[in-house]
């Protein structure tokens, strides 16, 4: 007797689509720049922290904190 294997809804070597989409979604440069500007304004528009602002904005947007 031959039994049919159940069909999988996705490739078993990759995570389900919902996890894949979340893992690969990256904020655009425009989104990062907008958030970095918000951080700059919140600091009182003091210059000299643009790299920190950019990296913080990028981290927040990737993790969904903002």
Protein backbone atom coordinates (compact mmCIF):
# COMPACT_ATOMS: atom_id res chain seq x y z
CA UNK A 1 0.00 0.00 0.00
CA UNK A 2 1.31 3.44 -0.97
CA UNK A 3 0.45 6.40 1.20
CA UNK A 4 0.70 9.93 -0.04
CA UNK A 5 2.91 12.35 1.84
CA UNK A 6 1.11 15.41 3.20
CA UNK A 7 1.79 18.54 1.18
CA UNK A 8 3.66 21.26 3.00
CA UNK A 9 2.51 24.84 2.64
CA UNK A 10 6.10 26.07 2.45
CA UNK A 11 9.58 24.76 1.77
CA UNK A 12 10.66 22.81 4.88
CA UNK A 13 14.15 24.31 4.72
CA UNK A 14 12.89 27.90 5.10
CA UNK A 15 10.85 29.46 7.89
CA UNK A 16 7.14 30.12 7.30
CA UNK A 17 6.40 33.23 5.19
CA UNK A 18 5.33 35.35 8.15
CA UNK A 19 8.70 34.94 9.85
CA UNK A 20 10.62 35.38 6.62
CA UNK A 21 8.89 38.67 5.81
CA UNK A 22 9.57 40.07 9.27
CA UNK A 23 13.20 39.00 9.21
CA UNK A 24 13.94 40.49 5.80
CA UNK A 25 11.98 43.73 6.12
CA UNK A 26 14.45 46.54 6.43
CA UNK A 27 13.74 50.21 6.98
CA UNK A 28 14.47 52.50 4.07
CA UNK A 29 17.11 55.20 4.26
CA UNK A 30 14.31 57.76 4.25
CA UNK A 31 12.68 56.13 7.30
CA UNK A 32 16.00 55.98 9.13
CA UNK A 33 16.80 59.60 8.26
CA UNK A 34 13.39 60.77 9.48
CA UNK A 35 13.81 58.94 12.81
CA UNK A 36 17.41 60.16 13.18
CA UNK A 37 16.17 63.73 12.66
CA UNK A 38 13.55 63.20 15.39
CA UNK A 39 16.33 62.09 17.74
CA UNK A 40 18.39 65.16 16.78
CA UNK A 41 15.45 67.46 17.53
CA UNK A 42 14.71 65.68 20.81
CA UNK A 43 18.31 66.31 21.89
CA UNK A 44 17.84 70.04 21.38
CA UNK A 45 19.33 70.18 17.87
CA UNK A 46 22.85 69.78 19.18
CA UNK A 47 25.23 68.77 16.42
CA UNK A 48 27.95 66.14 16.55
CA UNK A 49 25.88 63.02 17.15
CA UNK A 50 24.66 62.22 13.65
CA UNK A 51 26.21 58.74 13.54
CA UNK A 52 24.76 57.81 16.92
CA UNK A 53 21.35 59.09 15.82
CA UNK A 54 21.52 57.12 12.57
CA UNK A 55 22.49 53.85 14.25
CA UNK A 56 19.92 54.28 17.02
CA UNK A 57 17.20 55.06 14.48
CA UNK A 58 18.14 52.05 12.37
CA UNK A 59 18.14 49.75 15.41
CA UNK A 60 14.78 51.04 16.63
CA UNK A 61 13.13 50.64 13.24
CA UNK A 62 14.51 47.14 12.70
CA UNK A 63 13.35 45.97 16.10
CA UNK A 64 9.98 47.70 15.84
CA UNK A 65 10.53 49.96 18.85
CA UNK A 66 9.38 53.03 17.02
